[in-house]
Amino acid sequence: SKNIKPIITQIRDAFERNKEAILQANKIDQKNNNGFIMDFNIINNIFS
């Protein structure tokens, strides 16, 4: 409760730092016909 905004910033940064791993997981889901191509612009818009 005392650190909500910094925690959200840290989550956003963690997604950015792990972007390649997220995209790799996303490619595996796509390969298995179990997902769509993720767009990090949408993720950035959510956080903004």
All heavy atoms as atom14 arrays in JSON, in Angstrom:
{
  "sequence": "SKNIKPIITQIRDAFERNKEAILQANKIDQKNNNGFIMDFNIINNIFS",
  "atom14_mask": [
    [1, 1, 1, 1, 1, 1, 0, 0, 0, 0, 0, 0, 0, 0],
    [1, 1, 1, 1, 1, 1, 1, 1, 1, 0, 0, 0, 0, 0],
    [1, 1, 1, 1, 1, 1, 1, 1, 0, 0, 0, 0, 0, 0],
    [1, 1, 1, 1, 1, 1, 1, 1, 0, 0, 0, 0, 0, 0],
    [1, 1, 1, 1, 1, 1, 1, 1, 1, 0, 0, 0, 0, 0],
    [1, 1, 1, 1, 1, 1, 1, 0, 0, 0, 0, 0, 0, 0],
    [1, 1, 1, 1, 1, 1, 1, 1, 0, 0, 0, 0, 0, 0],
    [1, 1, 1, 1, 1, 1, 1, 1, 0, 0, 0, 0, 0, 0],
    [1, 1, 1, 1, 1, 1, 1, 0, 0, 0, 0, 0, 0, 0],
    [1, 1, 1, 1, 1, 1, 1, 1, 1, 0, 0, 0, 0, 0],
    [1, 1, 1, 1, 1, 1, 1, 1, 0, 0, 0, 0, 0, 0],
    [1, 1, 1, 1, 1, 1, 1, 1, 1, 1, 1, 0, 0, 0],
    [1, 1, 1, 1, 1, 1, 1, 1, 0, 0, 0, 0, 0, 0],
    [1, 1, 1, 1, 1, 0, 0, 0, 0, 0, 0, 0, 0, 0],
    [1, 1, 1, 1, 1, 1, 1, 1, 1, 1, 1, 0, 0, 0],
    [1, 1, 1, 1, 1, 1, 1, 1, 1, 0, 0, 0, 0, 0],
    [1, 1, 1, 1, 1, 1, 1, 1, 1, 1, 1, 0, 0, 0],
    [1, 1, 1, 1, 1, 1, 1, 1, 0, 0, 0, 0, 0, 0],
    [1, 1, 1, 1, 1, 1, 1, 1, 1, 0, 0, 0, 0, 0],
    [1, 1, 1, 1, 1, 1, 1, 1, 1, 0, 0, 0, 0, 0],
    [1, 1, 1, 1, 1, 0, 0, 0, 0, 0, 0, 0, 0, 0],
    [1, 1, 1, 1, 1, 1, 1, 1, 0, 0, 0, 0, 0, 0],
    [1, 1, 1, 1, 1, 1, 1, 1, 0, 0, 0, 0, 0, 0],
    [1, 1, 1, 1, 1, 1, 1, 1, 1, 0, 0, 0, 0, 0],
    [1, 1, 1, 1, 1, 0, 0, 0, 0, 0, 0, 0, 0, 0],
    [1, 1, 1, 1, 1, 1, 1, 1, 0, 0, 0, 0, 0, 0],
    [1, 1, 1, 1, 1, 1, 1, 1, 1, 0, 0, 0, 0, 0],
    [1, 1, 1, 1, 1, 1, 1, 1, 0, 0, 0, 0, 0, 0],
    [1, 1, 1, 1, 1, 1, 1, 1, 0, 0, 0, 0, 0, 0],
    [1, 1, 1, 1, 1, 1, 1, 1, 1, 0, 0, 0, 0, 0],
    [1, 1, 1, 1, 1, 1, 1, 1, 1, 0, 0, 0, 0, 0],
    [1, 1, 1, 1, 1, 1, 1, 1, 0, 0, 0, 0, 0, 0],
    [1, 1, 1, 1, 1, 1, 1, 1, 0, 0, 0, 0, 0, 0],
    [1, 1, 1, 1, 1, 1, 1, 1, 0, 0, 0, 0, 0, 0],
    [1, 1, 1, 1, 0, 0, 0, 0, 0, 0, 0, 0, 0, 0],
    [1, 1, 1, 1, 1, 1, 1, 1, 1, 1, 1, 0, 0, 0],
    [1, 1, 1, 1, 1, 1, 1, 1, 0, 0, 0, 0, 0, 0],
    [1, 1, 1, 1, 1, 1, 1, 1, 0, 0, 0, 0, 0, 0],
    [1, 1, 1, 1, 1, 1, 1, 1, 0, 0, 0, 0, 0, 0],
    [1, 1, 1, 1, 1, 1, 1, 1, 1, 1, 1, 0, 0, 0],
    [1, 1, 1, 1, 1, 1, 1, 1, 0, 0, 0, 0, 0, 0],
    [1, 1, 1, 1, 1, 1, 1, 1, 0, 0, 0, 0, 0, 0],
    [1, 1, 1, 1, 1, 1, 1, 1, 0, 0, 0, 0, 0, 0],
    [1, 1, 1, 1, 1, 1, 1, 1, 0, 0, 0, 0, 0, 0],
    [1, 1, 1, 1, 1, 1, 1, 1, 0, 0, 0, 0, 0, 0],
    [1, 1, 1, 1, 1, 1, 1, 1, 0, 0, 0, 0, 0, 0],
    [1, 1, 1, 1, 1, 1, 1, 1, 1, 1, 1, 0, 0, 0],
    [1, 1, 1, 1, 1, 1, 0, 0, 0, 0, 0, 0, 0, 0]
  ],
  "atom14_positions": [
    [[0.82, -1.22, 0.0], [0.0, 0.0, 0.0], [0.85, 1.27, 0.0], [0.43, 2.3, -0.52], [-0.96, 0.01, 1.19], [-0.24, 0.13, 2.4], [0.0, 0.0, 0.0], [0.0, 0.0, 0.0], [0.0, 0.0, 0.0], [0.0, 0.0, 0.0], [0.0, 0.0, 0.0], [0.0, 0.0, 0.0], [0.0, 0.0, 0.0], [0.0, 0.0, 0.0]],
    [[2.04, 1.19, 0.55], [2.91, 2.38, 0.62], [3.76, 2.54, -0.64], [4.42, 3.56, -0.8], [3.82, 2.28, 1.84], [3.05, 2.32, 3.14], [3.95, 2.06, 4.32], [3.09, 1.97, 5.58], [3.76, 1.31, 6.67], [0.0, 0.0, 0.0], [0.0, 0.0, 0.0], [0.0, 0.0, 0.0], [0.0, 0.0, 0.0], [0.0, 0.0, 0.0]],
    [[3.76, 1.54, -1.5], [4.66, 1.54, -2.65], [3.98, 1.15, -3.96], [4.62, 0.59, -4.84], [5.81, 0.57, -2.39], [6.65, 1.0, -1.21], [7.34, 2.0, -1.27], [6.55, 0.25, -0.12], [0.0, 0.0, 0.0], [0.0, 0.0, 0.0], [0.0, 0.0, 0.0], [0.0, 0.0, 0.0], [0.0, 0.0, 0.0], [0.0, 0.0, 0.0]],
    [[2.7, 1.45, -4.11], [1.96, 0.99, -5.28], [2.58, 1.49, -6.59], [2.87, 0.71, -7.48], [0.47, 1.39, -5.2], [-0.21, 0.64, -4.05], [-0.24, 1.11, -6.51], [-1.62, 1.08, -3.77], [0.0, 0.0, 0.0], [0.0, 0.0, 0.0], [0.0, 0.0, 0.0], [0.0, 0.0, 0.0], [0.0, 0.0, 0.0], [0.0, 0.0, 0.0]],
    [[2.8, 2.79, -6.69], [3.32, 3.33, -7.96], [4.71, 2.81, -8.31], [4.94, 2.4, -9.45], [3.26, 4.85, -7.95], [1.82, 5.35, -8.04], [1.73, 6.79, -8.45], [0.27, 7.18, -8.49], [-0.12, 7.71, -9.76], [0.0, 0.0, 0.0], [0.0, 0.0, 0.0], [0.0, 0.0, 0.0], [0.0, 0.0, 0.0], [0.0, 0.0, 0.0]],
    [[5.66, 2.77, -7.34], [6.97, 2.2, -7.7], [6.89, 0.71, -8.07], [7.63, 0.25, -8.93], [7.81, 2.38, -6.43], [7.13, 3.43, -5.64], [5.68, 3.39, -6.01], [0.0, 0.0, 0.0], [0.0, 0.0, 0.0], [0.0, 0.0, 0.0], [0.0, 0.0, 0.0], [0.0, 0.0, 0.0], [0.0, 0.0, 0.0], [0.0, 0.0, 0.0]],
    [[5.98, -0.02, -7.45], [5.83, -1.44, -7.78], [5.31, -1.59, -9.2], [5.81, -2.43, -9.97], [4.92, -2.15, -6.76], [5.65, -2.28, -5.43], [4.47, -3.51, -7.28], [4.79, -2.73, -4.28], [0.0, 0.0, 0.0], [0.0, 0.0, 0.0], [0.0, 0.0, 0.0], [0.0, 0.0, 0.0], [0.0, 0.0, 0.0], [0.0, 0.0, 0.0]],
    [[4.36, -0.77, -9.58], [3.83, -0.83, -10.95], [4.94, -0.48, -11.95], [5.07, -1.13, -12.99], [2.6, 0.08, -11.1], [1.44, -0.49, -10.27], [2.2, 0.23, -12.57], [0.26, 0.42, -10.13], [0.0, 0.0, 0.0], [0.0, 0.0, 0.0], [0.0, 0.0, 0.0], [0.0, 0.0, 0.0], [0.0, 0.0, 0.0], [0.0, 0.0, 0.0]],
    [[5.76, 0.5, -11.62], [6.89, 0.86, -12.47], [7.86, -0.31, -12.58], [8.37, -0.62, -13.68], [7.62, 2.11, -11.93], [6.69, 3.19, -11.88], [8.8, 2.48, -12.79], [0.0, 0.0, 0.0], [0.0, 0.0, 0.0], [0.0, 0.0, 0.0], [0.0, 0.0, 0.0], [0.0, 0.0, 0.0], [0.0, 0.0, 0.0], [0.0, 0.0, 0.0]],
    [[8.11, -1.0, -11.47], [9.0, -2.16, -11.48], [8.44, -3.3, -12.32], [9.19, -4.0, -13.01], [9.27, -2.65, -10.05], [10.17, -1.74, -9.25], [11.55, -1.64, -9.87], [12.13, -2.64, -10.29], [12.07, -0.44, -9.95], [0.0, 0.0, 0.0], [0.0, 0.0, 0.0], [0.0, 0.0, 0.0], [0.0, 0.0, 0.0], [0.0, 0.0, 0.0]],
    [[7.12, -3.49, -12.28], [6.5, -4.53, -13.1], [6.66, -4.18, -14.57], [7.01, -5.04, -15.39], [5.01, -4.72, -12.72], [4.91, -5.32, -11.31], [4.3, -5.61, -13.73], [3.5, -5.33, -10.74], [0.0, 0.0, 0.0], [0.0, 0.0, 0.0], [0.0, 0.0, 0.0], [0.0, 0.0, 0.0], [0.0, 0.0, 0.0], [0.0, 0.0, 0.0]],
    [[6.42, -2.92, -14.91], [6.59, -2.48, -16.3], [8.03, -2.71, -16.76], [8.28, -3.23, -17.84], [6.21, -1.01, -16.43], [6.29, -0.49, -17.84], [5.92, 0.97, -17.91], [5.52, 1.31, -19.25], [4.91, 2.41, -19.59], [4.6, 3.31, -18.67], [4.58, 2.66, -20.84], [0.0, 0.0, 0.0], [0.0, 0.0, 0.0], [0.0, 0.0, 0.0]],
    [[8.99, -2.34, -15.91], [10.4, -2.53, -16.23], [10.74, -4.01, -16.36], [11.52, -4.4, -17.24], [11.29, -1.88, -15.18], [11.2, -0.36, -15.17], [10.65, 0.23, -16.13], [11.67, 0.25, -14.19], [0.0, 0.0, 0.0], [0.0, 0.0, 0.0], [0.0, 0.0, 0.0], [0.0, 0.0, 0.0], [0.0, 0.0, 0.0], [0.0, 0.0, 0.0]],
    [[10.16, -4.84, -15.5], [10.42, -6.28, -15.55], [9.89, -6.89, -16.85], [10.54, -7.76, -17.44], [9.79, -6.98, -14.34], [0.0, 0.0, 0.0], [0.0, 0.0, 0.0], [0.0, 0.0, 0.0], [0.0, 0.0, 0.0], [0.0, 0.0, 0.0], [0.0, 0.0, 0.0], [0.0, 0.0, 0.0], [0.0, 0.0, 0.0], [0.0, 0.0, 0.0]],
    [[8.74, -6.42, -17.3], [8.21, -6.89, -18.59], [9.17, -6.49, -19.72], [9.44, -7.28, -20.62], [6.82, -6.33, -18.87], [5.7, -7.01, -18.12], [4.46, -6.43, -18.07], [5.88, -8.23, -17.48], [3.41, -7.05, -17.4], [4.85, -8.85, -16.81], [3.61, -8.26, -16.77], [0.0, 0.0, 0.0], [0.0, 0.0, 0.0], [0.0, 0.0, 0.0]],
    [[9.68, -5.27, -19.64], [10.61, -4.8, -20.67], [11.92, -5.6, -20.64], [12.43, -6.0, -21.68], [10.88, -3.31, -20.5], [11.57, -2.67, -21.67], [10.82, -2.79, -22.99], [9.58, -2.65, -23.0], [11.48, -3.03, -24.02], [0.0, 0.0, 0.0], [0.0, 0.0, 0.0], [0.0, 0.0, 0.0], [0.0, 0.0, 0.0], [0.0, 0.0, 0.0]],
    [[12.45, -5.85, -19.43], [13.69, -6.63, -19.3], [13.51, -8.07, -19.79], [14.45, -8.69, -20.28], [14.17, -6.66, -17.85], [14.87, -5.42, -17.38], [15.55, -5.63, -16.03], [14.71, -6.22, -15.01], [13.88, -5.54, -14.22], [13.79, -4.23, -14.31], [13.16, -6.17, -13.31], [0.0, 0.0, 0.0], [0.0, 0.0, 0.0], [0.0, 0.0, 0.0]],
    [[12.32, -8.59, -19.64], [12.03, -9.97, -20.03], [11.28, -10.07, -21.35], [10.66, -11.09, -21.64], [11.23, -10.66, -18.92], [12.06, -10.88, -17.68], [12.93, -11.72, -17.66], [11.82, -10.06, -16.66], [0.0, 0.0, 0.0], [0.0, 0.0, 0.0], [0.0, 0.0, 0.0], [0.0, 0.0, 0.0], [0.0, 0.0, 0.0], [0.0, 0.0, 0.0]],
    [[11.35, -9.03, -22.13], [10.61, -8.96, -23.4], [10.93, -10.16, -24.3], [10.02, -10.78, -24.85], [10.93, -7.65, -24.12], [10.15, -7.43, -25.38], [10.47, -6.05, -25.96], [9.64, -5.75, -27.18], [9.88, -4.38, -27.66], [0.0, 0.0, 0.0], [0.0, 0.0, 0.0], [0.0, 0.0, 0.0], [0.0, 0.0, 0.0], [0.0, 0.0, 0.0]],
    [[12.21, -10.5, -24.43], [12.59, -11.62, -25.29], [12.0, -12.93, -24.79], [11.51, -13.75, -25.58], [14.11, -11.72, -25.41], [14.71, -10.63, -26.3], [14.11, -10.59, -27.69], [13.96, -11.67, -28.32], [13.77, -9.48, -28.15], [0.0, 0.0, 0.0], [0.0, 0.0, 0.0], [0.0, 0.0, 0.0], [0.0, 0.0, 0.0], [0.0, 0.0, 0.0]],
    [[12.03, -13.16, -23.49], [11.47, -14.39, -22.93], [9.96, -14.44, -23.15], [9.4, -15.49, -23.47], [11.8, -14.5, -21.44], [0.0, 0.0, 0.0], [0.0, 0.0, 0.0], [0.0, 0.0, 0.0], [0.0, 0.0, 0.0], [0.0, 0.0, 0.0], [0.0, 0.0, 0.0], [0.0, 0.0, 0.0], [0.0, 0.0, 0.0], [0.0, 0.0, 0.0]],
    [[9.3, -13.3, -22.98], [7.85, -13.24, -23.21], [7.54, -13.54, -24.66], [6.62, -14.32, -24.97], [7.29, -11.86, -22.78], [7.43, -11.66, -21.27], [5.84, -11.7, -23.23], [7.17, -10.24, -20.79], [0.0, 0.0, 0.0], [0.0, 0.0, 0.0], [0.0, 0.0, 0.0], [0.0, 0.0, 0.0], [0.0, 0.0, 0.0], [0.0, 0.0, 0.0]],
    [[8.3, -12.95, -25.58], [8.08, -13.19, -27.0], [8.37, -14.65, -27.37], [7.66, -15.23, -28.21], [8.92, -12.23, -27.85], [8.51, -10.76, -27.76], [9.47, -9.87, -28.53], [7.08, -10.55, -28.24], [0.0, 0.0, 0.0], [0.0, 0.0, 0.0], [0.0, 0.0, 0.0], [0.0, 0.0, 0.0], [0.0, 0.0, 0.0], [0.0, 0.0, 0.0]],
    [[9.37, -15.28, -26.73], [9.65, -16.68, -26.98], [8.5, -17.57, -26.5], [8.1, -18.51, -27.2], [10.96, -17.1, -26.31], [12.18, -16.57, -27.0], [13.46, -16.9, -26.25], [13.44, -17.54, -25.2], [14.59, -16.46, -26.79], [0.0, 0.0, 0.0], [0.0, 0.0, 0.0], [0.0, 0.0, 0.0], [0.0, 0.0, 0.0], [0.0, 0.0, 0.0]],
    [[7.98, -17.28, -25.32], [6.83, -18.03, -24.81], [5.64, -17.84, -25.73], [4.91, -18.79, -26.03], [6.48, -17.59, -23.38], [0.0, 0.0, 0.0], [0.0, 0.0, 0.0], [0.0, 0.0, 0.0], [0.0, 0.0, 0.0], [0.0, 0.0, 0.0], [0.0, 0.0, 0.0], [0.0, 0.0, 0.0], [0.0, 0.0, 0.0], [0.0, 0.0, 0.0]],
    [[5.47, -16.63, -26.21], [4.38, -16.31, -27.13], [4.53, -17.09, -28.44], [3.55, -17.6, -28.98], [4.33, -14.8, -27.36], [3.16, -14.36, -28.2], [3.34, -13.67, -29.19], [1.96, -14.75, -27.81], [0.0, 0.0, 0.0], [0.0, 0.0, 0.0], [0.0, 0.0, 0.0], [0.0, 0.0, 0.0], [0.0, 0.0, 0.0], [0.0, 0.0, 0.0]],
    [[5.77, -17.22, -28.94], [6.01, -17.97, -30.18], [5.68, -19.45, -29.99], [5.14, -20.1, -30.89], [7.45, -17.81, -30.63], [7.73, -16.48, -31.27], [9.17, -16.36, -31.71], [9.44, -14.96, -32.24], [10.85, -14.76, -32.6], [0.0, 0.0, 0.0], [0.0, 0.0, 0.0], [0.0, 0.0, 0.0], [0.0, 0.0, 0.0], [0.0, 0.0, 0.0]],
    [[5.99, -19.98, -28.81], [5.65, -21.39, -28.54], [4.14, -21.57, -28.54], [3.62, -22.53, -29.12], [6.27, -21.85, -27.2], [7.79, -21.89, -27.32], [5.72, -23.21, -26.77], [8.53, -22.08, -26.01], [0.0, 0.0, 0.0], [0.0, 0.0, 0.0], [0.0, 0.0, 0.0], [0.0, 0.0, 0.0], [0.0, 0.0, 0.0], [0.0, 0.0, 0.0]],
    [[3.42, -20.64, -27.88], [1.95, -20.72, -27.89], [1.42, -20.64, -29.32], [0.5, -21.38, -29.69], [1.34, -19.59, -27.03], [1.43, -19.87, -25.54], [1.53, -21.05, -25.16], [1.4, -18.89, -24.77], [0.0, 0.0, 0.0], [0.0, 0.0, 0.0], [0.0, 0.0, 0.0], [0.0, 0.0, 0.0], [0.0, 0.0, 0.0], [0.0, 0.0, 0.0]],
    [[1.99, -19.74, -30.13], [1.54, -19.62, -31.53], [1.82, -20.9, -32.31], [0.97, -21.37, -33.07], [2.26, -18.46, -32.2], [1.85, -17.09, -31.71], [2.74, -16.02, -32.31], [2.95, -16.0, -33.51], [3.27, -15.16, -31.47], [0.0, 0.0, 0.0], [0.0, 0.0, 0.0], [0.0, 0.0, 0.0], [0.0, 0.0, 0.0], [0.0, 0.0, 0.0]],
    [[3.04, -21.46, -32.11], [3.42, -22.69, -32.8], [2.45, -23.82, -32.47], [2.14, -24.66, -33.32], [4.84, -23.08, -32.39], [5.36, -24.33, -33.06], [6.75, -24.65, -32.57], [7.15, -26.04, -33.0], [8.37, -26.47, -32.34], [0.0, 0.0, 0.0], [0.0, 0.0, 0.0], [0.0, 0.0, 0.0], [0.0, 0.0, 0.0], [0.0, 0.0, 0.0]],
    [[1.95, -23.83, -31.25], [1.0, -24.86, -30.81], [-0.45, -24.48, -31.12], [-1.37, -25.09, -30.59], [1.16, -25.12, -29.32], [2.49, -25.73, -28.98], [3.05, -26.47, -29.78], [3.01, -25.43, -27.81], [0.0, 0.0, 0.0], [0.0, 0.0, 0.0], [0.0, 0.0, 0.0], [0.0, 0.0, 0.0], [0.0, 0.0, 0.0], [0.0, 0.0, 0.0]],
    [[-0.63, -23.48, -31.97], [-1.98, -22.98, -32.31], [-2.78, -22.63, -31.06], [-3.96, -22.94, -30.94], [-2.75, -24.0, -33.16], [-2.12, -24.17, -34.52], [-1.7, -23.21, -35.14], [-2.04, -25.42, -34.97], [0.0, 0.0, 0.0], [0.0, 0.0, 0.0], [0.0, 0.0, 0.0], [0.0, 0.0, 0.0], [0.0, 0.0, 0.0], [0.0, 0.0, 0.0]],
    [[-2.09, -22.0, -30.11], [-2.72, -21.67, -28.84], [-2.44, -20.21, -28.47], [-2.2, -19.9, -27.31], [-2.19, -22.61, -27.74], [-3.02, -22.51, -26.48], [-4.21, -22.27, -26.54], [-2.38, -22.67, -25.33], [0.0, 0.0, 0.0], [0.0, 0.0, 0.0], [0.0, 0.0, 0.0], [0.0, 0.0, 0.0], [0.0, 0.0, 0.0], [0.0, 0.0, 0.0]],
    [[-2.46, -19.32, -29.46], [-2.21, -17.93, -29.12], [-2.11, -17.05, -30.35], [-2.05, -17.52, -31.47], [0.0, 0.0, 0.0], [0.0, 0.0, 0.0], [0.0, 0.0, 0.0], [0.0, 0.0, 0.0], [0.0, 0.0, 0.0], [0.0, 0.0, 0.0], [0.0, 0.0, 0.0], [0.0, 0.0, 0.0], [0.0, 0.0, 0.0], [0.0, 0.0, 0.0]],
    [[-2.08, -15.76, -30.07], [-1.92, -14.76, -31.12], [-0.62, -14.0, -30.88], [-0.01, -14.12, -29.82], [-3.12, -13.79, -31.16], [-3.39, -13.11, -29.85], [-2.67, -11.99, -29.45], [-4.38, -13.58, -29.01], [-2.93, -11.36, -28.25], [-4.65, -12.96, -27.79], [-3.92, -11.84, -27.42], [0.0, 0.0, 0.0], [0.0, 0.0, 0.0], [0.0, 0.0, 0.0]],
    [[-0.18, -13.23, -31.85], [1.05, -12.47, -31.74], [0.83, -11.3, -30.79], [-0.07, -10.49, -31.0], [1.5, -11.96, -33.12], [1.79, -13.14, -34.05], [2.74, -11.07, -32.99], [2.05, -12.75, -35.49], [0.0, 0.0, 0.0], [0.0, 0.0, 0.0], [0.0, 0.0, 0.0], [0.0, 0.0, 0.0], [0.0, 0.0, 0.0], [0.0, 0.0, 0.0]],
    [[1.65, -11.25, -29.74], [1.52, -10.16, -28.78], [2.2, -8.9, -29.32], [3.2, -8.97, -30.01], [2.15, -10.54, -27.44], [1.31, -11.51, -26.66], [1.9, -11.74, -24.99], [1.74, -10.11, -24.33], [0.0, 0.0, 0.0], [0.0, 0.0, 0.0], [0.0, 0.0, 0.0], [0.0, 0.0, 0.0], [0.0, 0.0, 0.0], [0.0, 0.0, 0.0]],
    [[1.64, -7.76, -28.95], [2.16, -6.47, -29.37], [2.54, -5.68, -28.11], [1.68, -5.35, -27.29], [1.08, -5.73, -30.16], [1.53, -4.4, -30.71], [2.63, -3.91, -30.35], [0.78, -3.82, -31.51], [0.0, 0.0, 0.0], [0.0, 0.0, 0.0], [0.0, 0.0, 0.0], [0.0, 0.0, 0.0], [0.0, 0.0, 0.0], [0.0, 0.0, 0.0]],
    [[3.83, -5.39, -27.95], [4.28, -4.66, -26.76], [3.78, -3.22, -26.75], [3.76, -2.59, -25.69], [5.8, -4.73, -26.61], [6.23, -5.83, -25.7], [6.26, -7.15, -26.14], [6.56, -5.58, -24.38], [6.62, -8.18, -25.29], [6.93, -6.59, -23.52], [6.97, -7.89, -23.97], [0.0, 0.0, 0.0], [0.0, 0.0, 0.0], [0.0, 0.0, 0.0]],
    [[3.35, -2.69, -27.89], [2.74, -1.35, -27.89], [1.45, -1.36, -27.09], [1.14, -0.39, -26.38], [2.48, -0.87, -29.32], [3.76, -0.56, -30.05], [4.72, -0.06, -29.46], [3.8, -0.88, -31.33], [0.0, 0.0, 0.0], [0.0, 0.0, 0.0], [0.0, 0.0, 0.0], [0.0, 0.0, 0.0], [0.0, 0.0, 0.0], [0.0, 0.0, 0.0]],
    [[0.69, -2.44, -27.18], [-0.55, -2.55, -26.4], [-0.23, -2.63, -24.92], [-0.88, -1.99, -24.09], [-1.39, -3.76, -26.87], [-1.86, -3.54, -28.31], [-2.58, -4.0, -25.94], [-2.57, -4.73, -28.93], [0.0, 0.0, 0.0], [0.0, 0.0, 0.0], [0.0, 0.0, 0.0], [0.0, 0.0, 0.0], [0.0, 0.0, 0.0], [0.0, 0.0, 0.0]],
    [[0.8, -3.4, -24.56], [1.21, -3.5, -23.16], [1.63, -2.13, -22.64], [1.23, -1.72, -21.55], [2.34, -4.53, -22.98], [1.82, -5.93, -23.32], [2.91, -4.48, -21.56], [2.88, -7.0, -23.38], [0.0, 0.0, 0.0], [0.0, 0.0, 0.0], [0.0, 0.0, 0.0], [0.0, 0.0, 0.0], [0.0, 0.0, 0.0], [0.0, 0.0, 0.0]],
    [[2.4, -1.4, -23.42], [2.82, -0.05, -23.02], [1.62, 0.88, -22.87], [1.59, 1.71, -21.96], [3.83, 0.52, -24.02], [5.17, -0.17, -23.92], [5.55, -0.66, -22.87], [5.87, -0.24, -25.03], [0.0, 0.0, 0.0], [0.0, 0.0, 0.0], [0.0, 0.0, 0.0], [0.0, 0.0, 0.0], [0.0, 0.0, 0.0], [0.0, 0.0, 0.0]],
    [[0.63, 0.75, -23.75], [-0.59, 1.57, -23.64], [-1.36, 1.24, -22.36], [-1.91, 2.15, -21.71], [-1.5, 1.37, -24.85], [-0.96, 2.03, -26.09], [-0.12, 2.93, -26.02], [-1.41, 1.58, -27.24], [0.0, 0.0, 0.0], [0.0, 0.0, 0.0], [0.0, 0.0, 0.0], [0.0, 0.0, 0.0], [0.0, 0.0, 0.0], [0.0, 0.0, 0.0]],
    [[-1.41, -0.02, -21.99], [-2.1, -0.42, -20.75], [-1.44, 0.28, -19.57], [-2.1, 0.9, -18.74], [-2.08, -1.95, -20.56], [-2.97, -2.63, -21.6], [-2.5, -2.34, -19.14], [-2.83, -4.14, -21.67], [0.0, 0.0, 0.0], [0.0, 0.0, 0.0], [0.0, 0.0, 0.0], [0.0, 0.0, 0.0], [0.0, 0.0, 0.0], [0.0, 0.0, 0.0]],
    [[-0.11, 0.2, -19.5], [0.61, 0.84, -18.39], [0.45, 2.36, -18.42], [0.24, 2.98, -17.38], [2.09, 0.45, -18.39], [2.35, -0.87, -17.75], [2.49, -2.02, -18.52], [2.46, -0.98, -16.37], [2.74, -3.24, -17.92], [2.7, -2.2, -15.77], [2.84, -3.33, -16.55], [0.0, 0.0, 0.0], [0.0, 0.0, 0.0], [0.0, 0.0, 0.0]],
    [[0.53, 2.95, -19.6], [0.39, 4.41, -19.71], [-0.98, 4.86, -19.21], [-1.09, 5.84, -18.48], [0.59, 4.87, -21.15], [1.91, 4.62, -21.56], [0.0, 0.0, 0.0], [0.0, 0.0, 0.0], [0.0, 0.0, 0.0], [0.0, 0.0, 0.0], [0.0, 0.0, 0.0], [0.0, 0.0, 0.0], [0.0, 0.0, 0.0], [0.0, 0.0, 0.0]]
  ]
}
